[in-house]
Amino acid sequence: MLRRQHFGLKTNSYRFTFWWKDKMGKDRFIQWKPFMDDTNDFEPNEKRFVQNFIVDDLERLL
């Protein structure tokens, strides 16, 4: 796999997981997965990326 060969990332079925602990010591993670240029995973949307955020107060954010 390109990610393993060039970036040295140990991947799993979700590609790569970045782990950390939050202020309260709780385990947190982010999944990183690149997509091929010709992917149709996001259709019908024309954007080719997804971002997810962790927020403390979702109601206030919205």
C-alpha atoms as a PDB file:
ATOM      1  CA  MET A   1       0.000   0.000   0.000  1.00  0.00           C
ATOM      2  CA  LEU A   2       1.181   3.486  -0.841  1.00  0.00           C
ATOM      3  CA  ARG A   3       0.529   4.813   2.661  1.00  0.00           C
ATOM      4  CA  ARG A   4       2.632   2.106   4.265  1.00  0.00           C
ATOM      5  CA  GLN A   5       5.401   2.269   1.694  1.00  0.00           C
ATOM      6  CA  HIS A   6       5.829   6.054   1.436  1.00  0.00           C
ATOM      7  CA  PHE A   7       4.483   7.443   4.709  1.00  0.00           C
ATOM      8  CA  GLY A   8       5.238   4.571   7.095  1.00  0.00           C
ATOM      9  CA  LEU A   9       1.644   4.531   8.374  1.00  0.00           C
ATOM     10  CA  LYS A  10       0.328   1.276   9.797  1.00  0.00           C
ATOM     11  CA  THR A  11      -3.096   0.952   8.217  1.00  0.00           C
ATOM     12  CA  ASN A  12      -6.185  -1.085   9.070  1.00  0.00           C
ATOM     13  CA  SER A  13      -9.467  -1.655   7.201  1.00  0.00           C
ATOM     14  CA  TYR A  14     -10.326   2.029   7.832  1.00  0.00           C
ATOM     15  CA  ARG A  15      -6.856   3.087   6.558  1.00  0.00           C
ATOM     16  CA  PHE A  16      -5.092   4.902   9.419  1.00  0.00           C
ATOM     17  CA  THR A  17      -6.091   5.835  12.959  1.00  0.00           C
ATOM     18  CA  PHE A  18      -4.561   8.764  14.871  1.00  0.00           C
ATOM     19  CA  TRP A  19      -5.055   8.243  18.636  1.00  0.00           C
ATOM     20  CA  TRP A  20      -4.832  10.811  21.453  1.00  0.00           C
ATOM     21  CA  LYS A  21      -6.324  11.551  24.888  1.00  0.00           C
ATOM     22  CA  ASP A  22      -8.622  14.488  25.533  1.00  0.00           C
ATOM     23  CA  LYS A  23      -8.447  16.824  28.578  1.00  0.00           C
ATOM     24  CA  MET A  24     -10.325  14.284  30.687  1.00  0.00           C
ATOM     25  CA  GLY A  25      -7.989  11.432  29.707  1.00  0.00           C
ATOM     26  CA  LYS A  26     -10.549   9.776  27.428  1.00  0.00           C
ATOM     27  CA  ASP A  27      -9.195   8.003  24.333  1.00  0.00           C
ATOM     28  CA  ARG A  28     -10.037   9.806  21.088  1.00  0.00           C
ATOM     29  CA  PHE A  29      -9.202   9.067  17.473  1.00  0.00           C
ATOM     30  CA  ILE A  30      -9.402  10.331  13.904  1.00  0.00           C
ATOM     31  CA  GLN A  31      -9.664   8.092  10.856  1.00  0.00           C
ATOM     32  CA  TRP A  32      -7.659   9.166   7.809  1.00  0.00           C
ATOM     33  CA  LYS A  33      -8.505   7.665   4.441  1.00  0.00           C
ATOM     34  CA  PRO A  34      -7.466   9.038   1.058  1.00  0.00           C
ATOM     35  CA  PHE A  35      -9.705   8.316  -1.927  1.00  0.00           C
ATOM     36  CA  MET A  36      -8.866   7.734  -5.558  1.00  0.00           C
ATOM     37  CA  ASP A  37      -9.555  10.656  -7.925  1.00  0.00           C
ATOM     38  CA  ASP A  38     -12.277   8.701  -9.701  1.00  0.00           C
ATOM     39  CA  THR A  39     -14.129   7.563  -6.557  1.00  0.00           C
ATOM     40  CA  ASN A  40     -17.912   7.671  -6.518  1.00  0.00           C
ATOM     41  CA  ASP A  41     -18.123   7.250  -2.717  1.00  0.00           C
ATOM     42  CA  PHE A  42     -19.401  10.814  -2.267  1.00  0.00           C
ATOM     43  CA  GLU A  43     -22.008  10.909  -5.018  1.00  0.00           C
ATOM     44  CA  PRO A  44     -24.259  12.739  -5.660  1.00  0.00           C
ATOM     45  CA  ASN A  45     -22.135  15.418  -3.946  1.00  0.00           C
ATOM     46  CA  GLU A  46     -19.377  16.885  -6.125  1.00  0.00           C
ATOM     47  CA  LYS A  47     -17.038  17.542  -3.173  1.00  0.00           C
ATOM     48  CA  ARG A  48     -14.260  14.975  -2.766  1.00  0.00           C
ATOM     49  CA  PHE A  49     -13.601  15.239   0.948  1.00  0.00           C
ATOM     50  CA  VAL A  50     -15.296  14.889   4.333  1.00  0.00           C
ATOM     51  CA  GLN A  51     -14.435  16.658   7.577  1.00  0.00           C
ATOM     52  CA  ASN A  52     -15.758  15.676  10.975  1.00  0.00           C
ATOM     53  CA  PHE A  53     -15.301  17.735  14.122  1.00  0.00           C
ATOM     54  CA  ILE A  54     -15.545  17.033  17.844  1.00  0.00           C
ATOM     55  CA  VAL A  55     -17.422  19.805  19.661  1.00  0.00           C
ATOM     56  CA  ASP A  56     -18.240  20.322  23.327  1.00  0.00           C
ATOM     57  CA  ASP A  57     -21.648  21.929  22.775  1.00  0.00           C
ATOM     58  CA  LEU A  58     -23.361  20.889  19.526  1.00  0.00           C
ATOM     59  CA  GLU A  59     -26.553  22.872  20.196  1.00  0.00           C
ATOM     60  CA  ARG A  60     -24.578  26.064  20.678  1.00  0.00           C
ATOM     61  CA  LEU A  61     -22.556  25.405  17.535  1.00  0.00           C
ATOM     62  CA  LEU A  62     -25.686  24.921  15.447  1.00  0.00           C
END
